[in-house]
PDB file of N, CA and C in Angstrom:
ATOM      1  N   MET A   1     -49.490   1.801 -73.648  1.00  0.00           N
ATOM      2  CA  MET A   1     -49.001   2.778 -72.687  1.00  0.00           C
ATOM      3  C   MET A   1     -48.717   4.144 -73.311  1.00  0.00           C
ATOM      4  N   TRP A   2     -48.898   4.266 -74.593  1.00  0.00           N
ATOM      5  CA  TRP A   2     -48.661   5.539 -75.263  1.00  0.00           C
ATOM      6  C   TRP A   2     -49.571   6.628 -74.726  1.00  0.00           C
ATOM      7  N   TYR A   3     -50.736   6.233 -74.215  1.00  0.00           N
ATOM      8  CA  TYR A   3     -51.693   7.230 -73.731  1.00  0.00           C
ATOM      9  C   TYR A   3     -51.189   7.951 -72.494  1.00  0.00           C
ATOM     10  N   PHE A   4     -50.289   7.328 -71.726  1.00  0.00           N
ATOM     11  CA  PHE A   4     -49.720   8.032 -70.578  1.00  0.00           C
ATOM     12  C   PHE A   4     -48.889   9.231 -71.039  1.00  0.00           C
ATOM     13  N   ALA A   5     -48.177   9.057 -72.136  1.00  0.00           N
ATOM     14  CA  ALA A   5     -47.407  10.178 -72.672  1.00  0.00           C
ATOM     15  C   ALA A   5     -48.345  11.302 -73.101  1.00  0.00           C
ATOM     16  N   TRP A   6     -49.476  10.953 -73.711  1.00  0.00           N
ATOM     17  CA  TRP A   6     -50.443  11.972 -74.124  1.00  0.00           C
ATOM     18  C   TRP A   6     -51.087  12.628 -72.913  1.00  0.00           C
ATOM     19  N   ILE A   7     -51.459  11.823 -71.905  1.00  0.00           N
ATOM     20  CA  ILE A   7     -52.121  12.361 -70.708  1.00  0.00           C
ATOM     21  C   ILE A   7     -51.190  13.320 -69.970  1.00  0.00           C
ATOM     22  N   LEU A   8     -49.907  12.992 -69.914  1.00  0.00           N
ATOM     23  CA  LEU A   8     -48.955  13.861 -69.227  1.00  0.00           C
ATOM     24  C   LEU A   8     -48.426  14.967 -70.140  1.00  0.00           C
ATOM     25  N   GLY A   9     -48.248  14.675 -71.407  1.00  0.00           N
ATOM     26  CA  GLY A   9     -47.614  15.618 -72.310  1.00  0.00           C
ATOM     27  C   GLY A   9     -48.492  16.776 -72.728  1.00  0.00           C
ATOM     28  N   LEU A  10     -49.740  16.512 -73.032  1.00  0.00           N
ATOM     29  CA  LEU A  10     -50.621  17.582 -73.500  1.00  0.00           C
ATOM     30  C   LEU A  10     -50.862  18.654 -72.444  1.00  0.00           C
ATOM     31  N   PRO A  11     -51.186  18.295 -71.200  1.00  0.00           N
ATOM     32  CA  PRO A  11     -51.345  19.362 -70.192  1.00  0.00           C
ATOM     33  C   PRO A  11     -50.045  20.125 -69.927  1.00  0.00           C
ATOM     34  N   LEU A  12     -48.917  19.447 -69.965  1.00  0.00           N
ATOM     35  CA  LEU A  12     -47.648  20.153 -69.758  1.00  0.00           C
ATOM     36  C   LEU A  12     -47.362  21.114 -70.907  1.00  0.00           C
ATOM     37  N   ALA A  13     -47.642  20.691 -72.130  1.00  0.00           N
ATOM     38  CA  ALA A  13     -47.436  21.577 -73.276  1.00  0.00           C
ATOM     39  C   ALA A  13     -48.393  22.764 -73.215  1.00  0.00           C
ATOM     40  N   ALA A  14     -49.638  22.515 -72.827  1.00  0.00           N
ATOM     41  CA  ALA A  14     -50.609  23.607 -72.720  1.00  0.00           C
ATOM     42  C   ALA A  14     -50.208  24.574 -71.606  1.00  0.00           C
ATOM     43  N   ALA A  15     -49.759  24.045 -70.475  1.00  0.00           N
ATOM     44  CA  ALA A  15     -49.326  24.905 -69.372  1.00  0.00           C
ATOM     45  C   ALA A  15     -48.116  25.736 -69.785  1.00  0.00           C
ATOM     46  N   PHE A  16     -47.193  25.133 -70.516  1.00  0.00           N
ATOM     47  CA  PHE A  16     -46.025  25.873 -70.992  1.00  0.00           C
ATOM     48  C   PHE A  16     -46.441  26.989 -71.942  1.00  0.00           C
ATOM     49  N   ALA A  17     -47.385  26.707 -72.820  1.00  0.00           N
ATOM     50  CA  ALA A  17     -47.853  27.724 -73.771  1.00  0.00           C
ATOM     51  C   ALA A  17     -48.526  28.881 -73.042  1.00  0.00           C
ATOM     52  N   VAL A  18     -49.332  28.579 -72.044  1.00  0.00           N
ATOM     53  CA  VAL A  18     -50.025  29.630 -71.291  1.00  0.00           C
ATOM     54  C   VAL A  18     -49.020  30.474 -70.512  1.00  0.00           C
ATOM     55  N   LEU A  19     -48.082  29.829 -69.838  1.00  0.00           N
ATOM     56  CA  LEU A  19     -47.073  30.578 -69.083  1.00  0.00           C
ATOM     57  C   LEU A  19     -46.198  31.423 -70.009  1.00  0.00           C
ATOM     58  N   ASN A  20     -45.876  30.890 -71.175  1.00  0.00           N
ATOM     59  CA  ASN A  20     -45.089  31.644 -72.146  1.00  0.00           C
ATOM     60  C   ASN A  20     -45.852  32.880 -72.613  1.00  0.00           C
ATOM     61  N   ALA A  21     -47.132  32.735 -72.895  1.00  0.00           N
ATOM     62  CA  ALA A  21     -47.949  33.878 -73.322  1.00  0.00           C
ATOM     63  C   ALA A  21     -48.051  34.918 -72.207  1.00  0.00           C
ATOM     64  N   MET A  22     -48.222  34.455 -70.962  1.00  0.00           N
ATOM     65  CA  MET A  22     -48.297  35.385 -69.839  1.00  0.00           C
ATOM     66  C   MET A  22     -46.978  36.136 -69.672  1.00  0.00           C
ATOM     67  N   TRP A  23     -45.857  35.452 -69.870  1.00  0.00           N
ATOM     68  CA  TRP A  23     -44.546  36.081 -69.743  1.00  0.00           C
ATOM     69  C   TRP A  23     -44.362  37.177 -70.793  1.00  0.00           C
ATOM     70  N   PHE A  24     -44.730  36.876 -72.045  1.00  0.00           N
ATOM     71  CA  PHE A  24     -44.572  37.878 -73.096  1.00  0.00           C
ATOM     72  C   PHE A  24     -45.497  39.065 -72.875  1.00  0.00           C
ATOM     73  N   GLU A  25     -46.698  38.833 -72.375  1.00  0.00           N
ATOM     74  CA  GLU A  25     -47.599  39.944 -72.055  1.00  0.00           C
ATOM     75  C   GLU A  25     -47.004  40.805 -70.946  1.00  0.00           C
ATOM     76  N   LEU A  26     -46.419  40.164 -69.942  1.00  0.00           N
ATOM     77  CA  LEU A  26     -45.804  40.899 -68.837  1.00  0.00           C
ATOM     78  C   LEU A  26     -44.640  41.749 -69.327  1.00  0.00           C
ATOM     79  N   MET A  27     -43.810  41.190 -70.200  1.00  0.00           N
ATOM     80  CA  MET A  27     -42.670  41.942 -70.726  1.00  0.00           C
ATOM     81  C   MET A  27     -43.139  43.107 -71.599  1.00  0.00           C
ATOM     82  N   GLU A  28     -44.178  42.902 -72.396  1.00  0.00           N
ATOM     83  CA  GLU A  28     -44.701  43.979 -73.241  1.00  0.00           C
ATOM     84  C   GLU A  28     -45.301  45.092 -72.387  1.00  0.00           C
ATOM     85  N   ASP A  29     -46.063  44.727 -71.358  1.00  0.00           N
ATOM     86  CA  ASP A  29     -46.638  45.736 -70.470  1.00  0.00           C
ATOM     87  C   ASP A  29     -45.549  46.514 -69.741  1.00  0.00           C
ATOM     88  N   ASP A  30     -44.481  45.829 -69.346  1.00  0.00           N
ATOM     89  CA  ASP A  30     -43.380  46.499 -68.662  1.00  0.00           C
ATOM     90  C   ASP A  30     -42.690  47.490 -69.595  1.00  0.00           C
ATOM     91  N   ALA A  31     -42.508  47.114 -70.850  1.00  0.00           N
ATOM     92  CA  ALA A  31     -41.881  48.022 -71.816  1.00  0.00           C
ATOM     93  C   ALA A  31     -42.762  49.247 -72.055  1.00  0.00           C
ATOM     94  N   ILE A  32     -44.063  49.050 -72.154  1.00  0.00           N
ATOM     95  CA  ILE A  32     -44.985  50.178 -72.346  1.00  0.00           C
ATOM     96  C   ILE A  32     -44.952  51.094 -71.126  1.00  0.00           C
ATOM     97  N   ARG A  33     -44.944  50.514 -69.938  1.00  0.00           N
ATOM     98  CA  ARG A  33     -44.909  51.306 -68.710  1.00  0.00           C
ATOM     99  C   ARG A  33     -43.614  52.111 -68.633  1.00  0.00           C
ATOM    100  N   ARG A  34     -42.484  51.504 -69.006  1.00  0.00           N
ATOM    101  CA  ARG A  34     -41.208  52.217 -68.984  1.00  0.00           C
ATOM    102  C   ARG A  34     -41.203  53.371 -69.978  1.00  0.00           C
ATOM    103  N   ASP A  35     -41.780  53.152 -71.155  1.00  0.00           N
ATOM    104  CA  ASP A  35     -41.829  54.226 -72.153  1.00  0.00           C
ATOM    105  C   ASP A  35     -42.694  55.385 -71.680  1.00  0.00           C
ATOM    106  N   ARG A  36     -43.741  55.096 -70.946  1.00  0.00           N
ATOM    107  CA  ARG A  36     -44.603  56.176 -70.445  1.00  0.00           C
ATOM    108  C   ARG A  36     -43.920  56.955 -69.333  1.00  0.00           C
ATOM    109  N   LEU A  37     -43.177  56.250 -68.479  1.00  0.00           N
ATOM    110  CA  LEU A  37     -42.516  56.924 -67.365  1.00  0.00           C
ATOM    111  C   LEU A  37     -41.274  57.680 -67.820  1.00  0.00           C
ATOM    112  N   GLU A  38     -40.525  57.102 -68.746  1.00  0.00           N
ATOM    113  CA  GLU A  38     -39.294  57.722 -69.224  1.00  0.00           C
ATOM    114  C   GLU A  38     -39.357  57.828 -70.743  1.00  0.00           C
ATOM    115  N   PRO A  39     -40.027  58.829 -71.256  1.00  0.00           N
ATOM    116  CA  PRO A  39     -40.104  58.946 -72.724  1.00  0.00           C
ATOM    117  C   PRO A  39     -38.727  59.214 -73.323  1.00  0.00           C
ATOM    118  N   HIS A  40     -38.462  58.543 -74.431  1.00  0.00           N
ATOM    119  CA  HIS A  40     -37.177  58.711 -75.107  1.00  0.00           C
ATOM    120  C   HIS A  40     -37.194  59.996 -75.926  1.00  0.00           C
ATOM    121  N   GLU A  41     -36.075  60.692 -75.880  1.00  0.00           N
ATOM    122  CA  GLU A  41     -35.968  61.917 -76.677  1.00  0.00           C
ATOM    123  C   GLU A  41     -35.602  61.542 -78.102  1.00  0.00           C
ATOM    124  N   LYS A  42     -36.378  62.028 -79.045  1.00  0.00           N
ATOM    125  CA  LYS A  42     -36.093  61.746 -80.450  1.00  0.00           C
ATOM    126  C   LYS A  42     -35.390  62.949 -81.060  1.00  0.00           C
ATOM    127  N   PRO A  43     -34.238  62.733 -81.696  1.00  0.00           N
ATOM    128  CA  PRO A  43     -33.483  63.870 -82.273  1.00  0.00           C
ATOM    129  C   PRO A  43     -34.166  64.472 -83.478  1.00  0.00           C
TER     130      PRO A  43
END
């Protein structure tokens, strides 16, 4: 029955990895967009 853990675990781990990568890309794009709209003043 160990194969049930593999059948269920591998797709869940892969889905988590993909969603995590998409989240970090979204956060990076949002930071870039904010910097373009509101440039920080450098002293």
